[in-house]
């Protein structure tokens, strides 16, 4: 890779060519350091448990999932943390 750059105004130089080492970086981006113990290098990261949908019923007018829910509507919550006791009951 060759880049050309102009030198400062006071030097009077027309231009200089700079050579930079380019191309792809060497090695693997997921490379493991050589001094890391083999057990640590092969260790897998535990994954989060998939959230279980919670079935609920609206006890009053409410808004969930980009929809207005009326009293008596049954629907599922994507996450238990979304439950609101002020206008929902577990079905």
Protein backbone atom coordinates (compact mmCIF):
# COMPACT_ATOMS: atom_id res chain seq x y z
CA UNK A 1 0.00 0.00 0.00
CA UNK A 2 1.48 3.34 -1.01
CA UNK A 3 0.22 6.71 0.17
CA UNK A 4 1.44 10.05 -1.04
CA UNK A 5 1.49 13.03 1.27
CA UNK A 6 2.62 16.57 0.74
CA UNK A 7 5.28 17.94 3.00
CA UNK A 8 4.89 21.24 4.87
CA UNK A 9 4.72 24.53 2.95
CA UNK A 10 8.05 25.89 4.18
CA UNK A 11 10.13 22.90 3.08
CA UNK A 12 9.33 23.32 -0.57
CA UNK A 13 9.24 19.58 -1.16
CA UNK A 14 6.77 18.57 -3.86
CA UNK A 15 5.71 15.41 -2.12
CA UNK A 16 6.85 12.27 -0.42
CA UNK A 17 5.71 8.70 -0.81
CA UNK A 18 5.06 6.78 2.34
CA UNK A 19 5.12 3.02 2.39
CA UNK A 20 2.89 1.36 4.93
CA UNK A 21 2.60 -2.30 5.59
CA UNK A 22 -0.95 -3.15 4.63
CA UNK A 23 -3.02 -6.17 4.01
CA UNK A 24 -4.81 -8.49 6.33
CA UNK A 25 -3.75 -8.77 9.97
CA UNK A 26 -1.80 -11.88 10.68
CA UNK A 27 -3.28 -14.65 12.74
CA UNK A 28 -6.79 -15.40 13.88
CA UNK A 29 -8.80 -12.72 15.68
CA UNK A 30 -10.04 -15.43 18.06
CA UNK A 31 -6.55 -16.69 18.74
CA UNK A 32 -5.70 -17.87 22.22
CA UNK A 33 -2.46 -16.69 23.83
CA UNK A 34 0.20 -19.38 23.81
CA UNK A 35 0.78 -19.15 27.56
CA UNK A 36 -2.89 -19.78 28.42
CA UNK A 37 -3.56 -23.22 29.96
CA UNK A 38 -5.31 -25.64 27.60
CA UNK A 39 -8.23 -26.12 30.03
CA UNK A 40 -9.01 -22.39 29.97
CA UNK A 41 -8.67 -22.15 26.19
CA UNK A 42 -11.20 -24.95 25.64
CA UNK A 43 -13.66 -23.78 28.29
CA UNK A 44 -17.05 -22.81 26.89
CA UNK A 45 -19.02 -19.83 28.13
CA UNK A 46 -22.40 -20.85 29.58
CA UNK A 47 -25.38 -19.48 27.66
CA UNK A 48 -28.40 -17.82 29.23
CA UNK A 49 -31.50 -19.93 29.66
CA UNK A 50 -34.23 -19.08 27.21
CA UNK A 51 -37.07 -17.09 28.75
CA UNK A 52 -40.37 -18.93 29.09
CA UNK A 53 -43.45 -17.05 27.90
CA UNK A 54 -45.94 -16.23 30.66
CA UNK A 55 -49.66 -16.52 29.90
CA UNK A 56 -51.71 -13.68 31.38
CA UNK A 57 -55.15 -12.11 31.20
CA UNK A 58 -55.92 -8.40 31.26
CA UNK A 59 -58.00 -7.31 34.27
CA UNK A 60 -58.21 -3.71 33.00
CA UNK A 61 -57.28 -1.68 29.94
CA UNK A 62 -53.53 -1.85 29.27
CA UNK A 63 -50.88 -1.63 26.58
CA UNK A 64 -48.48 -4.48 25.78
CA UNK A 65 -46.71 -5.70 22.64
CA UNK A 66 -47.70 -2.68 20.53
CA UNK A 67 -51.38 -3.47 21.18
CA UNK A 68 -54.05 -2.07 23.43
CA UNK A 69 -55.34 -4.91 25.62
CA UNK A 70 -58.90 -4.79 26.88
CA UNK A 71 -60.27 -6.44 30.03
CA UNK A 72 -60.50 -10.20 29.48
CA UNK A 73 -57.90 -10.41 26.70
CA UNK A 74 -55.54 -13.39 27.09
CA UNK A 75 -51.98 -13.06 25.78
CA UNK A 76 -48.40 -14.13 26.45
CA UNK A 77 -45.61 -12.01 27.91
CA UNK A 78 -42.16 -12.41 26.35
CA UNK A 79 -40.52 -12.06 29.76
CA UNK A 80 -41.76 -12.50 33.33
CA UNK A 81 -40.35 -9.07 34.21
CA UNK A 82 -43.01 -7.49 31.96
CA UNK A 83 -45.82 -8.62 34.30
CA UNK A 84 -47.84 -5.78 35.87
CA UNK A 85 -50.15 -6.69 38.72
CA UNK A 86 -52.05 -3.41 38.27
CA UNK A 87 -53.81 -4.66 35.11
CA UNK A 88 -52.81 -8.32 34.59
CA UNK A 89 -53.40 -11.68 36.24
CA UNK A 90 -51.61 -14.95 35.58
CA UNK A 91 -53.73 -17.35 33.53
